[in-house]
Structures are given as C-alpha cells and as structure tokens.
Amino acid sequence: MTISDELTARIRSFVALDPRITEKKMFGGIAFLLDGKILVSSRRTGTLLVQCGAESAAEVTKEPGVSPMIMKGKPAANFIDVDNDRLETDDDLKRWIDIAERFVSAKR
C-alpha cells in the first residue's frame, strides 16, 4: 500500500458515512467531494490537498509543512498542500478535513 493509498483510507474513515461525500480520481490521487465540490484529496505524493479559501490559506501556509497548491506554475488561491508528516495523527488529519468542510459548506 502506497502512502497515498494509506492517506485515502484514513480520509475515508472520517467521511464514509456522510452521504454528501463522493470520490473522484483527480490531481493524481483520489479527491473527496462535498456536494460535488472538492473538499480534500490524497495526492500521489502523499500530500493532502485541502480547499480552504484564500483567506484561510494565507493564514495556514505560515505553518511548517503547509504550502499553497501550485497549478500550472501558479498558486491556486483556494487550495493548500499539507505534507504527510503534518498528518501523523487522526486529530491532525481531522483538523484539515474540518477546515475544508467549513469552507466548502459556506460556499453553497
């Protein structure tokens, strides 16, 4: 099992019972969508892609191991990448899923 597969399984353990969540292959991994909008994604590199909004992204990218998602050479305003070593515990992972859920839910 790859590091990306392990992260995907861990994410599923948090979102599996939520009927609003679907999965789709994206970004070289598995994206989890909330009502059709990207929530988080396990990337093939083992990082976690998180949709959190530009304002939140500016704040959390000050933390070690958190960086803007780069798409076609430019930062994607609403997305960040979280290094796998920042996802060691279930609480660590749940924190990022919760941040994403608050942002995506507010976009409705």
N, C-alpha and C. Protein backbone atom coordinates (compact mmCIF):
# COMPACT_ATOMS: atom_id res chain seq x y z
N MET A 1 0.86 -1.18 0.00
CA MET A 1 0.00 0.00 0.00
C MET A 1 0.90 1.24 0.00
N THR A 2 0.64 2.14 -0.92
CA THR A 2 1.43 3.36 -1.01
C THR A 2 1.00 4.36 0.05
N ILE A 3 1.81 5.38 0.24
CA ILE A 3 1.48 6.43 1.21
C ILE A 3 0.18 7.13 0.80
N SER A 4 -0.04 7.28 -0.49
CA SER A 4 -1.28 7.89 -0.99
C SER A 4 -2.48 7.00 -0.68
N ASP A 5 -2.32 5.69 -0.85
CA ASP A 5 -3.39 4.74 -0.53
C ASP A 5 -3.73 4.79 0.96
N GLU A 6 -2.70 4.88 1.79
CA GLU A 6 -2.92 4.95 3.24
C GLU A 6 -3.68 6.21 3.61
N LEU A 7 -3.30 7.33 3.00
CA LEU A 7 -3.99 8.59 3.28
C LEU A 7 -5.43 8.53 2.80
N THR A 8 -5.66 7.94 1.64
CA THR A 8 -7.03 7.79 1.12
C THR A 8 -7.88 6.98 2.10
N ALA A 9 -7.33 5.89 2.61
CA ALA A 9 -8.07 5.06 3.56
C ALA A 9 -8.36 5.83 4.85
N ARG A 10 -7.42 6.62 5.30
CA ARG A 10 -7.64 7.41 6.52
C ARG A 10 -8.73 8.46 6.30
N ILE A 11 -8.72 9.11 5.14
CA ILE A 11 -9.76 10.11 4.85
C ILE A 11 -11.12 9.41 4.83
N ARG A 12 -11.20 8.27 4.15
CA ARG A 12 -12.47 7.52 4.08
C ARG A 12 -13.01 7.23 5.47
N SER A 13 -12.14 6.93 6.41
CA SER A 13 -12.60 6.60 7.76
C SER A 13 -13.34 7.76 8.41
N PHE A 14 -13.06 8.98 7.97
CA PHE A 14 -13.75 10.15 8.51
C PHE A 14 -15.00 10.52 7.74
N VAL A 15 -15.03 10.25 6.44
CA VAL A 15 -16.12 10.76 5.60
C VAL A 15 -17.07 9.69 5.06
N ALA A 16 -16.76 8.44 5.30
CA ALA A 16 -17.50 7.33 4.68
C ALA A 16 -19.00 7.36 4.96
N LEU A 17 -19.39 7.80 6.11
CA LEU A 17 -20.83 7.76 6.47
C LEU A 17 -21.58 9.02 6.05
N ASP A 18 -20.89 9.97 5.47
CA ASP A 18 -21.53 11.22 5.04
C ASP A 18 -22.05 11.04 3.61
N PRO A 19 -23.37 11.00 3.43
CA PRO A 19 -23.92 10.76 2.09
C PRO A 19 -23.65 11.89 1.10
N ARG A 20 -23.20 13.02 1.59
CA ARG A 20 -22.89 14.16 0.70
C ARG A 20 -21.52 14.01 0.04
N ILE A 21 -20.71 13.07 0.52
CA ILE A 21 -19.34 12.91 0.06
C ILE A 21 -19.27 11.87 -1.05
N THR A 22 -18.59 12.22 -2.14
CA THR A 22 -18.30 11.28 -3.23
C THR A 22 -16.81 11.30 -3.48
N GLU A 23 -16.34 10.32 -4.22
CA GLU A 23 -14.92 10.21 -4.56
C GLU A 23 -14.74 10.32 -6.07
N LYS A 24 -13.61 10.91 -6.46
CA LYS A 24 -13.31 11.03 -7.88
C LYS A 24 -11.79 11.08 -8.05
N LYS A 25 -11.27 10.39 -9.07
CA LYS A 25 -9.84 10.47 -9.35
C LYS A 25 -9.51 11.86 -9.89
N MET A 26 -8.63 12.54 -9.19
CA MET A 26 -8.20 13.89 -9.58
C MET A 26 -6.83 14.17 -8.97
N PHE A 27 -6.08 15.06 -9.57
CA PHE A 27 -4.82 15.54 -9.01
C PHE A 27 -3.84 14.40 -8.71
N GLY A 28 -3.91 13.35 -9.49
CA GLY A 28 -3.02 12.22 -9.29
C GLY A 28 -3.34 11.42 -8.05
N GLY A 29 -4.56 11.49 -7.59
CA GLY A 29 -4.99 10.75 -6.41
C GLY A 29 -6.49 10.64 -6.38
N ILE A 30 -7.03 10.53 -5.19
CA ILE A 30 -8.48 10.45 -5.00
C ILE A 30 -8.95 11.72 -4.31
N ALA A 31 -9.88 12.41 -4.96
CA ALA A 31 -10.48 13.61 -4.37
C ALA A 31 -11.79 13.22 -3.71
N PHE A 32 -12.06 13.84 -2.60
CA PHE A 32 -13.32 13.67 -1.89
C PHE A 32 -14.10 14.95 -2.07
N LEU A 33 -15.31 14.82 -2.63
CA LEU A 33 -16.12 15.99 -2.95
C LEU A 33 -17.32 16.06 -2.01
N LEU A 34 -17.62 17.25 -1.57
CA LEU A 34 -18.79 17.51 -0.73
C LEU A 34 -19.81 18.19 -1.61
N ASP A 35 -20.92 17.52 -1.86
CA ASP A 35 -21.96 18.04 -2.75
C ASP A 35 -21.36 18.50 -4.08
N GLY A 36 -20.40 17.72 -4.60
CA GLY A 36 -19.81 17.99 -5.90
C GLY A 36 -18.65 18.98 -5.91
N LYS A 37 -18.29 19.52 -4.75
CA LYS A 37 -17.18 20.48 -4.65
C LYS A 37 -16.01 19.82 -3.94
N ILE A 38 -14.80 20.05 -4.45
CA ILE A 38 -13.62 19.43 -3.86
C ILE A 38 -13.49 19.84 -2.40
N LEU A 39 -13.34 18.84 -1.56
CA LEU A 39 -13.12 19.04 -0.14
C LEU A 39 -11.63 18.85 0.14
N VAL A 40 -11.17 17.61 0.01
CA VAL A 40 -9.75 17.26 0.17
C VAL A 40 -9.40 16.20 -0.87
N SER A 41 -8.11 16.02 -1.07
CA SER A 41 -7.65 14.99 -2.00
C SER A 41 -6.34 14.41 -1.49
N SER A 42 -6.23 13.09 -1.56
CA SER A 42 -4.93 12.46 -1.30
C SER A 42 -4.18 12.47 -2.63
N ARG A 43 -3.02 13.07 -2.62
CA ARG A 43 -2.24 13.18 -3.86
C ARG A 43 -1.20 12.08 -3.92
N ARG A 44 -0.78 11.75 -5.12
CA ARG A 44 0.15 10.62 -5.30
C ARG A 44 1.46 10.83 -4.53
N THR A 45 1.78 12.06 -4.21
CA THR A 45 3.00 12.37 -3.45
C THR A 45 2.83 12.11 -1.96
N GLY A 46 1.59 11.81 -1.52
CA GLY A 46 1.33 11.60 -0.11
C GLY A 46 0.90 12.86 0.61
N THR A 47 0.84 13.98 -0.13
CA THR A 47 0.35 15.21 0.48
C THR A 47 -1.17 15.24 0.44
N LEU A 48 -1.73 16.08 1.28
CA LEU A 48 -3.17 16.27 1.33
C LEU A 48 -3.49 17.62 0.71
N LEU A 49 -4.33 17.60 -0.31
CA LEU A 49 -4.83 18.82 -0.91
C LEU A 49 -6.07 19.23 -0.13
N VAL A 50 -6.14 20.48 0.29
CA VAL A 50 -7.25 20.97 1.10
C VAL A 50 -7.81 22.23 0.45
N GLN A 51 -9.12 22.27 0.23
CA GLN A 51 -9.75 23.50 -0.23
C GLN A 51 -10.18 24.27 1.03
N CYS A 52 -9.61 25.45 1.21
CA CYS A 52 -9.88 26.18 2.45
C CYS A 52 -10.17 27.66 2.24
N GLY A 53 -10.08 28.13 1.00
CA GLY A 53 -10.32 29.54 0.73
C GLY A 53 -9.04 30.35 0.84
N ALA A 54 -8.98 31.41 0.08
CA ALA A 54 -7.77 32.23 0.01
C ALA A 54 -7.39 32.84 1.36
N GLU A 55 -8.38 33.30 2.09
CA GLU A 55 -8.10 33.94 3.38
C GLU A 55 -7.49 32.94 4.37
N SER A 56 -8.10 31.80 4.48
CA SER A 56 -7.59 30.76 5.38
C SER A 56 -6.24 30.24 4.89
N ALA A 57 -6.09 30.10 3.58
CA ALA A 57 -4.82 29.62 3.02
C ALA A 57 -3.67 30.54 3.38
N ALA A 58 -3.91 31.84 3.32
CA ALA A 58 -2.87 32.80 3.67
C ALA A 58 -2.41 32.61 5.11
N GLU A 59 -3.33 32.27 5.97
CA GLU A 59 -3.01 32.07 7.39
C GLU A 59 -2.30 30.74 7.64
N VAL A 60 -2.86 29.64 7.14
CA VAL A 60 -2.31 28.32 7.47
C VAL A 60 -1.00 28.01 6.76
N THR A 61 -0.71 28.70 5.66
CA THR A 61 0.57 28.45 4.97
C THR A 61 1.75 29.00 5.76
N LYS A 62 1.49 29.68 6.86
CA LYS A 62 2.56 30.12 7.76
C LYS A 62 3.05 28.94 8.61
N GLU A 63 2.25 27.87 8.67
CA GLU A 63 2.62 26.69 9.45
C GLU A 63 3.65 25.86 8.68
N PRO A 64 4.57 25.19 9.38
CA PRO A 64 5.52 24.31 8.71
C PRO A 64 4.79 23.18 7.98
N GLY A 65 5.28 22.85 6.79
CA GLY A 65 4.70 21.73 6.05
C GLY A 65 3.41 22.04 5.33
N VAL A 66 3.00 23.30 5.31
CA VAL A 66 1.78 23.71 4.62
C VAL A 66 2.17 24.75 3.57
N SER A 67 1.75 24.51 2.33
CA SER A 67 2.12 25.42 1.24
C SER A 67 0.95 25.60 0.28
N PRO A 68 0.98 26.69 -0.49
CA PRO A 68 -0.07 26.87 -1.50
C PRO A 68 0.02 25.73 -2.53
N MET A 69 -1.11 25.30 -3.03
CA MET A 69 -1.11 24.34 -4.12
C MET A 69 -0.66 25.09 -5.38
N ILE A 70 0.26 24.50 -6.11
CA ILE A 70 0.74 25.11 -7.35
C ILE A 70 0.12 24.37 -8.52
N MET A 71 -0.57 25.12 -9.38
CA MET A 71 -1.20 24.55 -10.57
C MET A 71 -0.71 25.36 -11.77
N LYS A 72 -0.09 24.67 -12.70
CA LYS A 72 0.46 25.31 -13.90
C LYS A 72 1.40 26.46 -13.54
N GLY A 73 2.21 26.22 -12.51
CA GLY A 73 3.23 27.20 -12.12
C GLY A 73 2.74 28.35 -11.25
N LYS A 74 1.45 28.36 -10.93
CA LYS A 74 0.91 29.46 -10.13
C LYS A 74 0.18 28.90 -8.92
N PRO A 75 0.19 29.65 -7.82
CA PRO A 75 -0.57 29.18 -6.65
C PRO A 75 -2.07 29.22 -6.94
N ALA A 76 -2.77 28.19 -6.50
CA ALA A 76 -4.24 28.14 -6.62
C ALA A 76 -4.80 28.79 -5.36
N ALA A 77 -5.53 29.86 -5.52
CA ALA A 77 -5.94 30.72 -4.41
C ALA A 77 -6.66 30.00 -3.27
N ASN A 78 -7.51 29.06 -3.54
CA ASN A 78 -8.34 28.44 -2.51
C ASN A 78 -7.79 27.12 -1.98
N PHE A 79 -6.63 26.69 -2.46
CA PHE A 79 -6.14 25.35 -2.13
C PHE A 79 -4.75 25.39 -1.50
N ILE A 80 -4.52 24.45 -0.60
CA ILE A 80 -3.21 24.28 0.01
C ILE A 80 -2.82 22.81 -0.05
N ASP A 81 -1.53 22.55 0.08
CA ASP A 81 -0.99 21.20 0.22
C ASP A 81 -0.43 21.07 1.63
N VAL A 82 -0.76 19.96 2.28
CA VAL A 82 -0.26 19.67 3.62
C VAL A 82 0.63 18.44 3.52
N ASP A 83 1.90 18.60 3.93
CA ASP A 83 2.84 17.49 3.88
C ASP A 83 2.37 16.34 4.76
N ASN A 84 2.71 15.14 4.34
CA ASN A 84 2.29 13.94 5.06
C ASN A 84 2.77 13.92 6.51
N ASP A 85 3.95 14.48 6.78
CA ASP A 85 4.44 14.46 8.16
C ASP A 85 3.65 15.39 9.08
N ARG A 86 2.74 16.20 8.53
CA ARG A 86 1.83 17.05 9.31
C ARG A 86 0.48 16.35 9.52
N LEU A 87 0.40 15.08 9.10
CA LEU A 87 -0.86 14.31 9.17
C LEU A 87 -0.67 13.03 9.98
N GLU A 88 0.25 13.06 10.92
CA GLU A 88 0.61 11.84 11.63
C GLU A 88 -0.53 11.25 12.46
N THR A 89 -1.30 12.09 13.12
CA THR A 89 -2.38 11.57 13.97
C THR A 89 -3.74 11.78 13.30
N ASP A 90 -4.73 11.04 13.77
CA ASP A 90 -6.08 11.23 13.26
C ASP A 90 -6.58 12.64 13.55
N ASP A 91 -6.20 13.19 14.69
CA ASP A 91 -6.59 14.57 15.01
C ASP A 91 -6.01 15.56 14.01
N ASP A 92 -4.76 15.32 13.59
CA ASP A 92 -4.13 16.20 12.59
C ASP A 92 -4.93 16.17 11.29
N LEU A 93 -5.24 14.97 10.81
CA LEU A 93 -5.99 14.83 9.56
C LEU A 93 -7.39 15.40 9.70
N LYS A 94 -8.05 15.11 10.78
CA LYS A 94 -9.42 15.60 11.00
C LYS A 94 -9.46 17.12 11.00
N ARG A 95 -8.45 17.75 11.55
CA ARG A 95 -8.40 19.22 11.56
C ARG A 95 -8.50 19.78 10.14
N TRP A 96 -7.73 19.21 9.21
CA TRP A 96 -7.73 19.72 7.84
C TRP A 96 -9.05 19.41 7.13
N ILE A 97 -9.61 18.24 7.37
CA ILE A 97 -10.90 17.92 6.78
C ILE A 97 -11.97 18.89 7.29
N ASP A 98 -11.92 19.20 8.58
CA ASP A 98 -12.89 20.14 9.17
C ASP A 98 -12.74 21.54 8.58
N ILE A 99 -11.49 21.99 8.39
CA ILE A 99 -11.25 23.30 7.78
C ILE A 99 -11.87 23.33 6.38
N ALA A 100 -11.63 22.28 5.61
CA ALA A 100 -12.17 22.21 4.25
C ALA A 100 -13.69 22.18 4.27
N GLU A 101 -14.26 21.41 5.17
CA GLU A 101 -15.72 21.29 5.23
C GLU A 101 -16.37 22.63 5.58
N ARG A 102 -15.78 23.36 6.50
CA ARG A 102 -16.35 24.68 6.84
C ARG A 102 -16.35 25.60 5.62
N PHE A 103 -15.26 25.60 4.87
CA PHE A 103 -15.17 26.48 3.70
C PHE A 103 -16.13 26.04 2.60
N VAL A 104 -16.11 24.76 2.26
CA VAL A 104 -16.96 24.27 1.17
C VAL A 104 -18.45 24.41 1.53
N SER A 105 -18.80 24.13 2.76
CA SER A 105 -20.20 24.27 3.19
C SER A 105 -20.68 25.72 3.11
N ALA A 106 -19.79 26.65 3.39
CA ALA A 106 -20.15 28.07 3.35
C ALA A 106 -20.32 28.58 1.92
N LYS A 107 -19.75 27.87 0.94
CA LYS A 107 -19.83 28.29 -0.47
C LYS A 107 -21.19 28.02 -1.10
N ARG A 108 -22.03 27.26 -0.44
CA ARG A 108 -23.31 26.87 -1.04
C ARG A 108 -24.17 28.04 -1.35
